[in-house]
């Protein structure tokens, strides 16, 4: 999935994961930023690098669950 597909899916209410269902993509209304959150330990990283374009993960690893 590319970044536009990921964001559109999350906004439409679908659950998007990165590599496994342990890592979910979320949008924070409070900070207005996108994150990947680990369900096991709460570790959180940005959906993208600082450039706002390059995904933190392989685009092929993102999927709708």
C-alpha atoms as a PDB file:
ATOM      1  CA  UNK A   1       0.000   0.000   0.000  1.00  0.00           C
ATOM      2  CA  UNK A   2       1.174   3.533  -0.592  1.00  0.00           C
ATOM      3  CA  UNK A   3       0.787   6.382   1.876  1.00  0.00           C
ATOM      4  CA  UNK A   4      -2.388   7.738   0.259  1.00  0.00           C
ATOM      5  CA  UNK A   5      -4.049   4.299   0.366  1.00  0.00           C
ATOM      6  CA  UNK A   6      -3.061   3.816   4.017  1.00  0.00           C
ATOM      7  CA  UNK A   7      -4.400   7.193   5.108  1.00  0.00           C
ATOM      8  CA  UNK A   8      -7.629   6.813   3.126  1.00  0.00           C
ATOM      9  CA  UNK A   9      -8.282   3.388   4.635  1.00  0.00           C
ATOM     10  CA  UNK A  10      -7.727   4.591   8.206  1.00  0.00           C
ATOM     11  CA  UNK A  11      -9.879   7.684   7.680  1.00  0.00           C
ATOM     12  CA  UNK A  12     -12.679   5.504   6.303  1.00  0.00           C
ATOM     13  CA  UNK A  13     -12.604   3.417   9.481  1.00  0.00           C
ATOM     14  CA  UNK A  14     -10.633   0.399   8.294  1.00  0.00           C
ATOM     15  CA  UNK A  15      -7.878  -1.148  10.385  1.00  0.00           C
ATOM     16  CA  UNK A  16      -4.474  -0.932   8.703  1.00  0.00           C
ATOM     17  CA  UNK A  17      -1.480  -2.918   9.899  1.00  0.00           C
ATOM     18  CA  UNK A  18       2.246  -2.949   9.193  1.00  0.00           C
ATOM     19  CA  UNK A  19       3.816  -6.396   8.711  1.00  0.00           C
ATOM     20  CA  UNK A  20       1.538  -8.079  11.296  1.00  0.00           C
ATOM     21  CA  UNK A  21      -1.610  -7.330  13.262  1.00  0.00           C
ATOM     22  CA  UNK A  22       0.658  -6.397  16.159  1.00  0.00           C
ATOM     23  CA  UNK A  23       1.477  -3.033  14.483  1.00  0.00           C
ATOM     24  CA  UNK A  24      -1.502  -0.813  13.709  1.00  0.00           C
ATOM     25  CA  UNK A  25      -1.610   2.511  11.906  1.00  0.00           C
ATOM     26  CA  UNK A  26      -3.461   5.291  13.708  1.00  0.00           C
ATOM     27  CA  UNK A  27      -4.162   8.973  13.231  1.00  0.00           C
ATOM     28  CA  UNK A  28      -3.994  11.187  16.311  1.00  0.00           C
ATOM     29  CA  UNK A  29      -6.624  13.920  16.253  1.00  0.00           C
ATOM     30  CA  UNK A  30      -4.791  15.621  19.122  1.00  0.00           C
ATOM     31  CA  UNK A  31      -1.422  15.953  17.355  1.00  0.00           C
ATOM     32  CA  UNK A  32      -2.767  15.624  13.794  1.00  0.00           C
ATOM     33  CA  UNK A  33      -0.011  13.099  13.022  1.00  0.00           C
ATOM     34  CA  UNK A  34       0.116   9.505  11.796  1.00  0.00           C
ATOM     35  CA  UNK A  35       1.687   6.689  13.823  1.00  0.00           C
ATOM     36  CA  UNK A  36       2.440   2.979  13.845  1.00  0.00           C
ATOM     37  CA  UNK A  37       1.712   1.554  17.305  1.00  0.00           C
ATOM     38  CA  UNK A  38       2.746  -1.821  18.701  1.00  0.00           C
ATOM     39  CA  UNK A  39      -0.180  -3.502  20.490  1.00  0.00           C
ATOM     40  CA  UNK A  40       2.143  -5.493  22.757  1.00  0.00           C
ATOM     41  CA  UNK A  41       4.246  -2.759  24.356  1.00  0.00           C
ATOM     42  CA  UNK A  42       2.827   0.534  23.072  1.00  0.00           C
ATOM     43  CA  UNK A  43       6.024   1.413  21.181  1.00  0.00           C
ATOM     44  CA  UNK A  44       5.123   4.131  18.700  1.00  0.00           C
ATOM     45  CA  UNK A  45       6.876   5.521  15.639  1.00  0.00           C
ATOM     46  CA  UNK A  46       5.767   7.917  12.945  1.00  0.00           C
ATOM     47  CA  UNK A  47       4.106   6.473   9.876  1.00  0.00           C
ATOM     48  CA  UNK A  48       6.748   8.238   7.800  1.00  0.00           C
ATOM     49  CA  UNK A  49      10.272   9.533   8.112  1.00  0.00           C
ATOM     50  CA  UNK A  50      10.674  13.246   8.819  1.00  0.00           C
ATOM     51  CA  UNK A  51      10.246  13.991   5.121  1.00  0.00           C
ATOM     52  CA  UNK A  52       6.557  13.072   5.475  1.00  0.00           C
ATOM     53  CA  UNK A  53       6.737  10.844   2.407  1.00  0.00           C
ATOM     54  CA  UNK A  54       8.990   7.832   3.051  1.00  0.00           C
ATOM     55  CA  UNK A  55       7.123   5.132   4.962  1.00  0.00           C
ATOM     56  CA  UNK A  56       8.598   3.574   8.112  1.00  0.00           C
ATOM     57  CA  UNK A  57       8.293   0.101   6.678  1.00  0.00           C
ATOM     58  CA  UNK A  58       8.019  -1.707   3.402  1.00  0.00           C
ATOM     59  CA  UNK A  59       4.980  -0.474   1.437  1.00  0.00           C
ATOM     60  CA  UNK A  60       4.244  -4.129   0.601  1.00  0.00           C
ATOM     61  CA  UNK A  61       4.008  -4.891   4.338  1.00  0.00           C
ATOM     62  CA  UNK A  62       0.979  -2.666   4.981  1.00  0.00           C
ATOM     63  CA  UNK A  63      -2.417  -4.321   4.769  1.00  0.00           C
ATOM     64  CA  UNK A  64      -6.049  -3.888   5.730  1.00  0.00           C
ATOM     65  CA  UNK A  65      -7.177  -6.347   8.381  1.00  0.00           C
END
